Amino acid sequence: MSPEQATLDPKKVEEFLGKAISDVAATFHAGLVAIGDKLGLYRAMAGAGPLSPADLAKRTGTRERYVREWLSAQAAGGYVTYDPATGRFTLPPEQAFLMLDADLPGAFQLSVGSVRDEPKITDAFRTGAGVGWHEHDGGVYEGCERFFRPGYAMNLVSQWIPALDGVKARLEQGGRVADVGCGHGASSIIMAQAFPRATITGFDYHPASITAARQAADKAGMADRVSFEVIAAKTYPGTGYDLVTFFDCLHDMGDPVGAARHVRQSLAPGGVWMLVEPFANDRLEDNLNPVGRLYYAASTLLCTPASLSQEVGLALGAQAGEQRLREVLTEAGFTRIRRVAQTPANMVLEVRA
């Protein structure tokens, strides 16, 4: 036994081992959530009361033996309950709400897709090169939209836009909006639905995401009220925008200062940039919590590599914090910045020249 091993605290070893086992189990569990999501297992259980594995298999056209093992894992994780007297499993209403209405499986889809790209990120650690957003597993793009969309749907129109001085009235009267880094278009479509007189254009450099955004707009019946273009944040066209929005994307950009300068010149007099970023405190020690853990992990696998793949490669990271963001905005020429809203997942800044 080495001197280091001799001084180990057995209780601390046991405590950390417990954490590690929990993490390993959670990693496996993410795959099971993805399976349950794709096969409609959660949806089939919602409101159905106690079900046997055979019942659920029949409802979903799946095989009972697989379903039984899946249900057992879900029960061990607290996602469903189990009654040993009847051998039946139940999806409680609270879990059903989060798994279905709040689309929580999207977060698992995002994490599973990110982990699939681990070999690329491992190589990037060695070389210092970046990994572009466009280089990731397809589950990353859909999962990212599903992860953020419920928060946008809940807060964007009811809380965030009204918190911006004068913006809601301008949009109600027919303002112009540039939604930069729009991804699959969820934020653009939500604004188009709420403000039928506004002209809304979503921009993203990723062609596959723009294709998905156009399809989503068509499905939502908004194809005539919102448009999408493939173009980078530093070169999107037009001026005179009453509102420019960046949803959870500035920190992914290689040159956020350059992107911010482009926003500044594209705004109409009195126009506003609404910058939505992952919530973070300014000091690392204040982010050592479950939300910070989630965002630092995602930033390691997605955000930092994306920025390092582009020119400048500032690599703000998903936990940049308001102070660091203010430094970027000030360097770009903005002088009036205030935090107007926050949730556990996001902070919202009103940015004016």
Foldseek 3Di string as FASTA:
>chain_A
DDPVVVPDDVVVVVVVVVVVVVVVLVLVVLVLLVVCVVQVLLVQQVPPPWDALVRSCVSRVHDSVVSLVSQVSCCVVVQWPADVVVNTIHGDNVSSCCVPVLVVNLLSLLVVQLVVCVVVLVVCVVVVAFQALLNTDPSNLSSVCSNCLSVCLVDVVPPFQVLAPPRVVCLLVEFEEEEEQCFLPSNQLSSCVVRVRYAYEYEEQHVVRQVNNCVVCVVVVNNVRYHYDRDHLLDDDAAAGQEYEYAAPLLLAQQSLSSLLSVQRRHRVNHKYKYKAWDAAQDPVVLPDPLSVSQQVCQSRHRQSNNSNDPNSPNCGRHVHDVNVVVSNVSSPWDDKDFRDDDNTITIIITHD
